Each structure stands twice: as structure tokens, then as C-alpha cells.
Amino acid sequence: MEEKKTHIDVARVCELAHFDICAEEMTEFQAQLDNILAYVNKLDELNLDGIEPTMYGQPVVNSFREDVVTPSLPREDVLRNAPDSANDEIKVPKIVE
């Protein structure tokens, strides 16, 4: 059985992350984190007999569909609404140099 975590040292986490916070914030965050851990550990009190572990609250089914060609907008209409076009293609700003 897994050991339950009852405390995470905010000061140590900040040190590992090279993140500086003042003592007042550290005290506040420590209290909040301790409350969260206490709540998570309280979930162990629930009776979960007969409940299968799952990642989703509802059944998940494949949403794949057959790839079918369907009519779309005429090229001229698309290009007419594009901010900029050239050679029957939509021009977009360069994002990688």
C-alpha cells in the first residue's frame, strides 16, 4: 500500500524550481497545500467497493468516423474572404525564421 503524503515542503519546492517568494507567501501557500493534501487523504475514507477504477466519468467510445469527401466552399469564395492570397493560396504571416 502506498504511503500517504501529509506534507510537501513549499520552501524545498521553491528551491528546486529556482523560484523566490517572500516568507509571508510561503506561509500562505504552505497552509493551502496542507489543506489540499488533507482533503485528498480524506477521500480514502470513501467506500469504493465494487467501483471500477476509471479515468473518465462517463463511458468513452471511439469517435472515429469514416473519412468521406463532402462538398465544401468554392475556392474563389475562400480566397475572397482571406486577408491575403497569392497563386490561389491563402498567405499567412511568417512565424519561423
N, C-alpha and C. Protein backbone atom coordinates (compact mmCIF):
# COMPACT_ATOMS: atom_id res chain seq x y z
N MET A 1 0.84 -1.18 0.00
CA MET A 1 0.00 0.00 0.00
C MET A 1 0.89 1.24 0.00
N GLU A 2 0.45 2.25 -0.70
CA GLU A 2 1.20 3.49 -0.85
C GLU A 2 1.15 4.33 0.42
N GLU A 3 2.30 4.93 0.77
CA GLU A 3 2.32 5.82 1.93
C GLU A 3 1.64 7.13 1.57
N LYS A 4 0.78 7.63 2.45
CA LYS A 4 0.05 8.86 2.18
C LYS A 4 0.93 10.06 2.46
N LYS A 5 0.90 11.00 1.55
CA LYS A 5 1.67 12.23 1.70
C LYS A 5 0.85 13.19 2.55
N THR A 6 1.44 13.65 3.66
CA THR A 6 0.73 14.57 4.53
C THR A 6 1.36 15.96 4.54
N HIS A 7 2.54 16.09 3.91
CA HIS A 7 3.21 17.39 3.92
C HIS A 7 4.14 17.49 2.71
N ILE A 8 4.06 18.61 2.03
CA ILE A 8 5.00 18.95 0.96
C ILE A 8 5.63 20.27 1.35
N ASP A 9 6.94 20.31 1.42
CA ASP A 9 7.65 21.50 1.86
C ASP A 9 7.72 22.53 0.73
N VAL A 10 6.95 23.59 0.85
CA VAL A 10 6.90 24.64 -0.18
C VAL A 10 8.27 25.27 -0.36
N ALA A 11 9.00 25.48 0.72
CA ALA A 11 10.34 26.08 0.63
C ALA A 11 11.25 25.21 -0.24
N ARG A 12 11.19 23.90 -0.06
CA ARG A 12 12.04 22.98 -0.85
C ARG A 12 11.61 22.98 -2.32
N VAL A 13 10.32 23.00 -2.57
CA VAL A 13 9.82 23.03 -3.95
C VAL A 13 10.29 24.31 -4.64
N CYS A 14 10.19 25.45 -3.93
CA CYS A 14 10.65 26.72 -4.50
C CYS A 14 12.15 26.69 -4.78
N GLU A 15 12.89 26.06 -3.87
CA GLU A 15 14.34 25.94 -4.07
C GLU A 15 14.66 25.12 -5.32
N LEU A 16 13.98 24.00 -5.48
CA LEU A 16 14.21 23.13 -6.64
C LEU A 16 13.82 23.82 -7.95
N ALA A 17 12.77 24.66 -7.88
CA ALA A 17 12.28 25.34 -9.08
C ALA A 17 12.99 26.68 -9.32
N HIS A 18 13.93 27.02 -8.43
CA HIS A 18 14.62 28.32 -8.53
C HIS A 18 13.59 29.45 -8.58
N PHE A 19 12.66 29.39 -7.63
CA PHE A 19 11.55 30.33 -7.58
C PHE A 19 11.58 31.01 -6.22
N ASP A 20 11.66 32.33 -6.22
CA ASP A 20 11.74 33.08 -4.97
C ASP A 20 10.38 33.66 -4.60
N ILE A 21 9.94 33.40 -3.37
CA ILE A 21 8.74 34.03 -2.84
C ILE A 21 9.06 34.50 -1.42
N CYS A 22 8.35 35.49 -0.96
CA CYS A 22 8.60 36.03 0.39
C CYS A 22 8.07 35.05 1.44
N ALA A 23 8.51 35.25 2.67
CA ALA A 23 8.12 34.35 3.78
C ALA A 23 6.62 34.35 4.00
N GLU A 24 5.98 35.51 3.83
CA GLU A 24 4.54 35.60 4.02
C GLU A 24 3.79 34.74 3.00
N GLU A 25 4.21 34.81 1.74
CA GLU A 25 3.59 33.99 0.69
C GLU A 25 3.87 32.52 0.93
N MET A 26 5.08 32.20 1.38
CA MET A 26 5.43 30.81 1.63
C MET A 26 4.54 30.22 2.72
N THR A 27 4.29 30.98 3.76
CA THR A 27 3.42 30.52 4.84
C THR A 27 1.99 30.30 4.32
N GLU A 28 1.53 31.24 3.52
CA GLU A 28 0.17 31.14 2.95
C GLU A 28 0.05 29.92 2.04
N PHE A 29 1.04 29.74 1.14
CA PHE A 29 0.99 28.60 0.22
C PHE A 29 1.12 27.28 0.97
N GLN A 30 1.95 27.25 2.02
CA GLN A 30 2.12 26.02 2.79
C GLN A 30 0.80 25.61 3.42
N ALA A 31 0.09 26.58 4.00
CA ALA A 31 -1.21 26.28 4.62
C ALA A 31 -2.20 25.78 3.57
N GLN A 32 -2.23 26.41 2.41
CA GLN A 32 -3.15 25.98 1.35
C GLN A 32 -2.82 24.58 0.87
N LEU A 33 -1.53 24.29 0.68
CA LEU A 33 -1.13 22.97 0.21
C LEU A 33 -1.43 21.90 1.26
N ASP A 34 -1.21 22.21 2.53
CA ASP A 34 -1.55 21.25 3.59
C ASP A 34 -3.04 20.96 3.61
N ASN A 35 -3.88 21.98 3.38
CA ASN A 35 -5.33 21.77 3.33
C ASN A 35 -5.72 20.89 2.15
N ILE A 36 -5.09 21.10 1.02
CA ILE A 36 -5.38 20.28 -0.17
C ILE A 36 -5.01 18.83 0.10
N LEU A 37 -3.81 18.60 0.65
CA LEU A 37 -3.39 17.23 0.94
C LEU A 37 -4.31 16.55 1.96
N ALA A 38 -4.76 17.30 2.96
CA ALA A 38 -5.69 16.74 3.94
C ALA A 38 -7.00 16.32 3.27
N TYR A 39 -7.47 17.13 2.34
CA TYR A 39 -8.71 16.80 1.63
C TYR A 39 -8.51 15.56 0.75
N VAL A 40 -7.39 15.50 0.04
CA VAL A 40 -7.13 14.34 -0.82
C VAL A 40 -7.04 13.08 0.03
N ASN A 41 -6.37 13.16 1.16
CA ASN A 41 -6.26 11.99 2.04
C ASN A 41 -7.62 11.60 2.62
N LYS A 42 -8.51 12.56 2.80
CA LYS A 42 -9.86 12.28 3.31
C LYS A 42 -10.65 11.42 2.32
N LEU A 43 -10.32 11.51 1.06
CA LEU A 43 -11.02 10.71 0.05
C LEU A 43 -10.83 9.21 0.29
N ASP A 44 -9.77 8.84 1.02
CA ASP A 44 -9.54 7.43 1.33
C ASP A 44 -10.63 6.85 2.22
N GLU A 45 -11.41 7.70 2.87
CA GLU A 45 -12.48 7.23 3.74
C GLU A 45 -13.71 6.74 2.96
N LEU A 46 -13.77 7.04 1.68
CA LEU A 46 -14.92 6.63 0.87
C LEU A 46 -14.93 5.13 0.65
N ASN A 47 -16.11 4.53 0.67
CA ASN A 47 -16.26 3.12 0.38
C ASN A 47 -16.39 2.97 -1.14
N LEU A 48 -15.37 2.41 -1.74
CA LEU A 48 -15.36 2.27 -3.19
C LEU A 48 -15.47 0.82 -3.63
N ASP A 49 -15.98 -0.04 -2.75
CA ASP A 49 -16.15 -1.44 -3.11
C ASP A 49 -17.08 -1.57 -4.31
N GLY A 50 -16.67 -2.35 -5.29
CA GLY A 50 -17.49 -2.60 -6.47
C GLY A 50 -17.42 -1.50 -7.52
N ILE A 51 -16.61 -0.48 -7.30
CA ILE A 51 -16.48 0.59 -8.28
C ILE A 51 -15.17 0.40 -9.02
N GLU A 52 -15.27 0.25 -10.34
CA GLU A 52 -14.09 0.04 -11.16
C GLU A 52 -13.30 1.34 -11.32
N PRO A 53 -11.98 1.28 -11.22
CA PRO A 53 -11.18 2.49 -11.47
C PRO A 53 -11.35 2.95 -12.91
N THR A 54 -11.42 4.26 -13.10
CA THR A 54 -11.58 4.80 -14.44
C THR A 54 -10.95 6.18 -14.52
N MET A 55 -10.62 6.59 -15.71
CA MET A 55 -10.07 7.93 -15.91
C MET A 55 -11.16 8.92 -16.27
N TYR A 56 -12.33 8.41 -16.67
CA TYR A 56 -13.40 9.27 -17.16
C TYR A 56 -14.67 9.03 -16.37
N GLY A 57 -15.48 10.06 -16.23
CA GLY A 57 -16.73 9.94 -15.51
C GLY A 57 -17.82 9.28 -16.30
N GLN A 58 -17.65 9.24 -17.61
CA GLN A 58 -18.65 8.62 -18.49
C GLN A 58 -17.95 7.65 -19.42
N PRO A 59 -18.69 6.67 -19.94
CA PRO A 59 -18.07 5.73 -20.87
C PRO A 59 -17.53 6.47 -22.10
N VAL A 60 -16.36 6.05 -22.55
CA VAL A 60 -15.75 6.67 -23.71
C VAL A 60 -15.78 5.66 -24.86
N VAL A 61 -16.26 6.11 -26.00
CA VAL A 61 -16.27 5.26 -27.18
C VAL A 61 -15.48 5.96 -28.27
N ASN A 62 -15.00 5.18 -29.20
CA ASN A 62 -14.26 5.77 -30.32
C ASN A 62 -15.14 6.77 -31.05
N SER A 63 -14.57 7.89 -31.36
CA SER A 63 -15.33 8.89 -32.10
C SER A 63 -14.87 8.94 -33.55
N PHE A 64 -14.18 7.88 -33.97
CA PHE A 64 -13.72 7.83 -35.35
C PHE A 64 -14.91 7.70 -36.28
N ARG A 65 -14.78 8.31 -37.41
CA ARG A 65 -15.82 8.19 -38.44
C ARG A 65 -15.12 7.91 -39.76
N GLU A 66 -15.86 7.43 -40.68
CA GLU A 66 -15.30 7.16 -42.00
C GLU A 66 -14.93 8.50 -42.65
N ASP A 67 -13.79 8.53 -43.31
CA ASP A 67 -13.34 9.74 -43.99
C ASP A 67 -14.05 9.82 -45.34
N VAL A 68 -15.04 10.71 -45.41
CA VAL A 68 -15.86 10.83 -46.60
C VAL A 68 -15.69 12.24 -47.17
N VAL A 69 -15.48 12.32 -48.46
CA VAL A 69 -15.38 13.62 -49.11
C VAL A 69 -16.77 14.22 -49.20
N THR A 70 -16.88 15.48 -48.76
CA THR A 70 -18.16 16.18 -48.82
C THR A 70 -17.96 17.52 -49.51
N PRO A 71 -19.01 18.09 -50.05
CA PRO A 71 -18.86 19.38 -50.71
C PRO A 71 -18.39 20.45 -49.73
N SER A 72 -17.57 21.37 -50.23
CA SER A 72 -17.09 22.46 -49.38
C SER A 72 -17.25 23.78 -50.13
N LEU A 73 -16.75 24.84 -49.54
CA LEU A 73 -16.86 26.16 -50.17
C LEU A 73 -16.06 26.22 -51.46
N PRO A 74 -16.53 26.97 -52.43
CA PRO A 74 -15.74 27.16 -53.65
C PRO A 74 -14.45 27.92 -53.32
N ARG A 75 -13.36 27.56 -53.98
CA ARG A 75 -12.05 28.17 -53.75
C ARG A 75 -12.12 29.69 -53.86
N GLU A 76 -12.86 30.19 -54.82
CA GLU A 76 -12.93 31.64 -55.02
C GLU A 76 -13.52 32.34 -53.80
N ASP A 77 -14.55 31.75 -53.19
CA ASP A 77 -15.17 32.34 -52.00
C ASP A 77 -14.20 32.36 -50.82
N VAL A 78 -13.46 31.28 -50.67
CA VAL A 78 -12.49 31.21 -49.58
C VAL A 78 -11.41 32.27 -49.77
N LEU A 79 -10.86 32.34 -50.97
CA LEU A 79 -9.79 33.31 -51.24
C LEU A 79 -10.30 34.74 -51.14
N ARG A 80 -11.53 34.97 -51.51
CA ARG A 80 -12.09 36.31 -51.45
C ARG A 80 -12.19 36.79 -49.99
N ASN A 81 -12.43 35.87 -49.04
CA ASN A 81 -12.55 36.22 -47.63
C ASN A 81 -11.22 36.18 -46.86
N ALA A 82 -10.18 35.67 -47.50
CA ALA A 82 -8.88 35.61 -46.84
C ALA A 82 -8.27 37.00 -46.76
N PRO A 83 -7.53 37.30 -45.69
CA PRO A 83 -6.90 38.62 -45.58
C PRO A 83 -5.89 38.88 -46.70
N ASP A 84 -5.20 37.82 -47.15
CA ASP A 84 -4.22 37.97 -48.21
C ASP A 84 -4.09 36.63 -48.94
N SER A 85 -3.88 36.68 -50.26
CA SER A 85 -3.73 35.44 -51.02
C SER A 85 -2.78 35.67 -52.18
N ALA A 86 -2.23 34.58 -52.68
CA ALA A 86 -1.34 34.62 -53.84
C ALA A 86 -1.31 33.24 -54.47
N ASN A 87 -1.35 33.17 -55.80
CA ASN A 87 -1.29 31.90 -56.53
C ASN A 87 -2.35 30.90 -56.06
N ASP A 88 -3.57 31.36 -55.87
CA ASP A 88 -4.68 30.51 -55.41
C ASP A 88 -4.43 29.87 -54.05
N GLU A 89 -3.66 30.53 -53.20
CA GLU A 89 -3.41 30.05 -51.85
C GLU A 89 -3.57 31.20 -50.86
N ILE A 90 -3.93 30.86 -49.63
CA ILE A 90 -4.03 31.87 -48.59
C ILE A 90 -2.62 32.16 -48.06
N LYS A 91 -2.25 33.43 -48.02
CA LYS A 91 -0.96 33.82 -47.47
C LYS A 91 -1.12 34.07 -45.97
N VAL A 92 -0.19 33.53 -45.20
CA VAL A 92 -0.18 33.74 -43.76
C VAL A 92 1.14 34.35 -43.36
N PRO A 93 1.18 35.07 -42.23
CA PRO A 93 2.44 35.67 -41.79
C PRO A 93 3.48 34.60 -41.46
N LYS A 94 4.73 34.91 -41.72
CA LYS A 94 5.82 34.01 -41.40
C LYS A 94 5.99 33.98 -39.89
N ILE A 95 6.06 32.77 -39.31
CA ILE A 95 6.21 32.68 -37.86
C ILE A 95 7.53 32.04 -37.46
N VAL A 96 8.23 31.42 -38.37
CA VAL A 96 9.52 30.80 -38.07
C VAL A 96 10.56 31.39 -39.02
N GLU A 97 11.68 31.80 -38.45
CA GLU A 97 12.72 32.37 -39.29
C GLU A 97 13.87 31.41 -39.46
